[in-house]
Amino acid sequence: MRTDDTSEPAAATITPYEDGPLLVRGDFDLVTPDGERIDARRGTVALCRCGKSTLKPFCDGTHKAVNFRAGTAREG
């Protein structure tokens, strides 16, 4: 949720999918902790949340095989 009062849309949106990845859409940069750019190659990517993907940081569907469970709502 945006906290500013502008009517401009966010440059990117991130949607957590239940028991699945984070889907990132829009204009974004993906970088390593050291600031090195990761080529996303498209405007929509699925990022791994289960930690088991062989394509990290991207999702490869392994969450289904490992029975990963995570909700979509903010917790805490």
N, C-alpha and C. Protein backbone atom coordinates (compact mmCIF):
# COMPACT_ATOMS: atom_id res chain seq x y z
N MET A 1 0.85 -1.18 0.00
CA MET A 1 0.00 0.00 0.00
C MET A 1 0.88 1.23 0.00
N ARG A 2 0.58 2.16 -0.87
CA ARG A 2 1.36 3.39 -0.94
C ARG A 2 0.92 4.31 0.19
N THR A 3 1.90 4.96 0.78
CA THR A 3 1.57 5.83 1.91
C THR A 3 1.58 7.30 1.54
N ASP A 4 2.00 7.62 0.31
CA ASP A 4 1.99 9.02 -0.08
C ASP A 4 0.63 9.39 -0.67
N ASP A 5 0.40 10.67 -0.88
CA ASP A 5 -0.89 11.13 -1.35
C ASP A 5 -0.92 11.41 -2.85
N THR A 6 -0.02 10.82 -3.63
CA THR A 6 -0.02 11.07 -5.07
C THR A 6 -1.02 10.13 -5.74
N SER A 7 -1.50 10.56 -6.88
CA SER A 7 -2.41 9.71 -7.63
C SER A 7 -1.66 8.91 -8.69
N GLU A 8 -0.35 9.03 -8.72
CA GLU A 8 0.45 8.30 -9.68
C GLU A 8 0.52 6.82 -9.29
N PRO A 9 0.43 5.93 -10.28
CA PRO A 9 0.55 4.50 -9.95
C PRO A 9 1.97 4.15 -9.54
N ALA A 10 2.12 3.10 -8.77
CA ALA A 10 3.44 2.63 -8.38
C ALA A 10 4.20 2.17 -9.61
N ALA A 11 5.52 2.32 -9.60
CA ALA A 11 6.34 1.89 -10.71
C ALA A 11 6.31 0.37 -10.85
N ALA A 12 6.17 -0.32 -9.73
CA ALA A 12 6.10 -1.78 -9.74
C ALA A 12 5.11 -2.23 -8.68
N THR A 13 4.51 -3.38 -8.92
CA THR A 13 3.65 -3.99 -7.92
C THR A 13 4.20 -5.38 -7.60
N ILE A 14 4.09 -5.76 -6.34
CA ILE A 14 4.54 -7.07 -5.88
C ILE A 14 3.35 -7.77 -5.25
N THR A 15 3.02 -8.94 -5.78
CA THR A 15 1.87 -9.69 -5.32
C THR A 15 2.30 -11.05 -4.79
N PRO A 16 2.09 -11.31 -3.48
CA PRO A 16 2.40 -12.64 -2.97
C PRO A 16 1.27 -13.61 -3.33
N TYR A 17 1.63 -14.73 -3.93
CA TYR A 17 0.64 -15.74 -4.26
C TYR A 17 0.63 -16.82 -3.19
N GLU A 18 -0.57 -17.21 -2.79
CA GLU A 18 -0.70 -18.20 -1.72
C GLU A 18 0.07 -19.46 -2.07
N ASP A 19 0.93 -19.89 -1.15
CA ASP A 19 1.74 -21.08 -1.30
C ASP A 19 2.64 -21.04 -2.53
N GLY A 20 2.95 -19.83 -2.99
CA GLY A 20 3.76 -19.69 -4.20
C GLY A 20 4.68 -18.49 -4.16
N PRO A 21 5.08 -18.02 -5.34
CA PRO A 21 6.08 -16.97 -5.44
C PRO A 21 5.53 -15.57 -5.20
N LEU A 22 6.45 -14.61 -5.23
CA LEU A 22 6.10 -13.20 -5.29
C LEU A 22 6.13 -12.82 -6.76
N LEU A 23 5.06 -12.28 -7.27
CA LEU A 23 5.01 -11.84 -8.66
C LEU A 23 5.28 -10.34 -8.69
N VAL A 24 6.31 -9.94 -9.42
CA VAL A 24 6.70 -8.54 -9.53
C VAL A 24 6.39 -8.08 -10.94
N ARG A 25 5.59 -7.00 -11.04
CA ARG A 25 5.19 -6.46 -12.34
C ARG A 25 5.54 -4.99 -12.41
N GLY A 26 5.94 -4.56 -13.59
CA GLY A 26 6.16 -3.13 -13.80
C GLY A 26 7.59 -2.78 -14.07
N ASP A 27 7.94 -1.56 -13.71
CA ASP A 27 9.27 -1.01 -13.93
C ASP A 27 10.07 -1.16 -12.64
N PHE A 28 11.04 -2.07 -12.64
CA PHE A 28 11.80 -2.34 -11.43
C PHE A 28 13.22 -2.73 -11.79
N ASP A 29 14.11 -2.61 -10.82
CA ASP A 29 15.48 -3.12 -10.92
C ASP A 29 15.62 -4.23 -9.91
N LEU A 30 16.24 -5.31 -10.32
CA LEU A 30 16.51 -6.43 -9.44
C LEU A 30 18.02 -6.48 -9.24
N VAL A 31 18.46 -6.38 -7.99
CA VAL A 31 19.90 -6.31 -7.70
C VAL A 31 20.27 -7.29 -6.60
N THR A 32 21.54 -7.70 -6.58
CA THR A 32 22.08 -8.55 -5.52
C THR A 32 22.29 -7.69 -4.28
N PRO A 33 22.58 -8.31 -3.13
CA PRO A 33 22.88 -7.52 -1.93
C PRO A 33 24.08 -6.59 -2.12
N ASP A 34 24.97 -6.93 -3.06
CA ASP A 34 26.13 -6.08 -3.35
C ASP A 34 25.83 -4.99 -4.36
N GLY A 35 24.59 -4.93 -4.85
CA GLY A 35 24.21 -3.89 -5.79
C GLY A 35 24.39 -4.26 -7.25
N GLU A 36 24.81 -5.50 -7.53
CA GLU A 36 24.98 -5.94 -8.92
C GLU A 36 23.61 -6.22 -9.53
N ARG A 37 23.39 -5.70 -10.73
CA ARG A 37 22.10 -5.86 -11.39
C ARG A 37 21.88 -7.29 -11.86
N ILE A 38 20.69 -7.82 -11.63
CA ILE A 38 20.28 -9.13 -12.12
C ILE A 38 19.34 -8.89 -13.29
N ASP A 39 19.65 -9.46 -14.43
CA ASP A 39 18.83 -9.25 -15.63
C ASP A 39 17.53 -10.02 -15.50
N ALA A 40 16.42 -9.33 -15.35
CA ALA A 40 15.12 -9.95 -15.22
C ALA A 40 14.56 -10.35 -16.58
N ARG A 41 15.00 -9.70 -17.65
CA ARG A 41 14.63 -10.00 -19.03
C ARG A 41 13.17 -9.76 -19.39
N ARG A 42 12.37 -9.29 -18.46
CA ARG A 42 10.97 -9.00 -18.77
C ARG A 42 10.39 -8.09 -17.70
N GLY A 43 9.18 -7.61 -17.94
CA GLY A 43 8.53 -6.69 -17.01
C GLY A 43 7.75 -7.38 -15.91
N THR A 44 7.64 -8.71 -15.95
CA THR A 44 6.97 -9.47 -14.91
C THR A 44 7.85 -10.67 -14.57
N VAL A 45 8.15 -10.85 -13.29
CA VAL A 45 8.94 -12.00 -12.86
C VAL A 45 8.31 -12.62 -11.62
N ALA A 46 8.57 -13.91 -11.42
CA ALA A 46 8.14 -14.62 -10.22
C ALA A 46 9.38 -14.89 -9.39
N LEU A 47 9.38 -14.37 -8.17
CA LEU A 47 10.52 -14.55 -7.27
C LEU A 47 10.22 -15.64 -6.25
N CYS A 48 11.21 -16.49 -6.01
CA CYS A 48 11.08 -17.62 -5.09
C CYS A 48 10.84 -17.15 -3.66
N ARG A 49 9.91 -17.80 -2.98
CA ARG A 49 9.70 -17.57 -1.54
C ARG A 49 10.03 -18.80 -0.72
N CYS A 50 10.10 -19.97 -1.36
CA CYS A 50 10.31 -21.20 -0.60
C CYS A 50 11.79 -21.46 -0.31
N GLY A 51 12.68 -20.85 -1.07
CA GLY A 51 14.11 -21.04 -0.87
C GLY A 51 14.69 -22.27 -1.54
N LYS A 52 13.91 -23.01 -2.27
CA LYS A 52 14.36 -24.27 -2.87
C LYS A 52 14.57 -24.20 -4.38
N SER A 53 14.26 -23.09 -5.02
CA SER A 53 14.40 -22.97 -6.47
C SER A 53 15.85 -23.13 -6.90
N THR A 54 16.06 -23.79 -8.03
CA THR A 54 17.40 -23.90 -8.60
C THR A 54 17.73 -22.69 -9.47
N LEU A 55 16.77 -21.79 -9.64
CA LEU A 55 16.96 -20.59 -10.46
C LEU A 55 16.93 -19.31 -9.62
N LYS A 56 17.19 -19.41 -8.32
CA LYS A 56 17.10 -18.25 -7.43
C LYS A 56 17.78 -17.04 -8.05
N PRO A 57 17.18 -15.88 -7.94
CA PRO A 57 16.04 -15.54 -7.10
C PRO A 57 14.69 -15.84 -7.74
N PHE A 58 14.71 -16.44 -8.94
CA PHE A 58 13.46 -16.69 -9.65
C PHE A 58 12.82 -18.01 -9.22
N CYS A 59 11.51 -18.07 -9.32
CA CYS A 59 10.75 -19.27 -8.99
C CYS A 59 10.85 -20.27 -10.14
N ASP A 60 11.05 -21.55 -9.79
CA ASP A 60 11.04 -22.60 -10.81
C ASP A 60 9.93 -23.62 -10.57
N GLY A 61 9.02 -23.32 -9.65
CA GLY A 61 7.90 -24.20 -9.36
C GLY A 61 8.16 -25.24 -8.29
N THR A 62 9.37 -25.26 -7.74
CA THR A 62 9.74 -26.25 -6.72
C THR A 62 8.85 -26.15 -5.48
N HIS A 63 8.27 -24.98 -5.22
CA HIS A 63 7.41 -24.81 -4.04
C HIS A 63 6.29 -25.87 -4.01
N LYS A 64 5.83 -26.30 -5.17
CA LYS A 64 4.78 -27.32 -5.23
C LYS A 64 5.32 -28.67 -4.76
N ALA A 65 6.53 -29.03 -5.18
CA ALA A 65 7.12 -30.32 -4.83
C ALA A 65 7.48 -30.40 -3.34
N VAL A 66 7.85 -29.27 -2.74
CA VAL A 66 8.26 -29.28 -1.33
C VAL A 66 7.11 -28.91 -0.39
N ASN A 67 5.91 -28.75 -0.97
CA ASN A 67 4.71 -28.45 -0.18
C ASN A 67 4.85 -27.16 0.62
N PHE A 68 5.43 -26.14 -0.01
CA PHE A 68 5.60 -24.83 0.63
C PHE A 68 4.25 -24.22 0.96
N ARG A 69 4.15 -23.64 2.13
CA ARG A 69 2.90 -22.99 2.56
C ARG A 69 3.19 -21.58 3.04
N ALA A 70 2.50 -20.63 2.46
CA ALA A 70 2.58 -19.23 2.88
C ALA A 70 1.32 -18.53 2.40
N GLY A 71 0.82 -17.67 3.22
CA GLY A 71 -0.40 -16.93 2.88
C GLY A 71 -0.10 -15.73 2.01
N THR A 72 -1.11 -14.94 1.78
CA THR A 72 -0.99 -13.73 0.97
C THR A 72 -1.12 -12.47 1.81
N ALA A 73 -1.62 -12.61 3.03
CA ALA A 73 -1.83 -11.43 3.88
C ALA A 73 -0.56 -11.10 4.67
N ARG A 74 -0.47 -9.85 5.02
CA ARG A 74 0.63 -9.40 5.87
C ARG A 74 0.42 -9.94 7.27
N GLU A 75 1.49 -10.51 7.84
CA GLU A 75 1.38 -11.07 9.18
C GLU A 75 2.20 -10.22 10.13
N GLY A 76 1.77 -10.13 11.37
CA GLY A 76 2.56 -9.46 12.38
C GLY A 76 1.99 -8.21 12.79
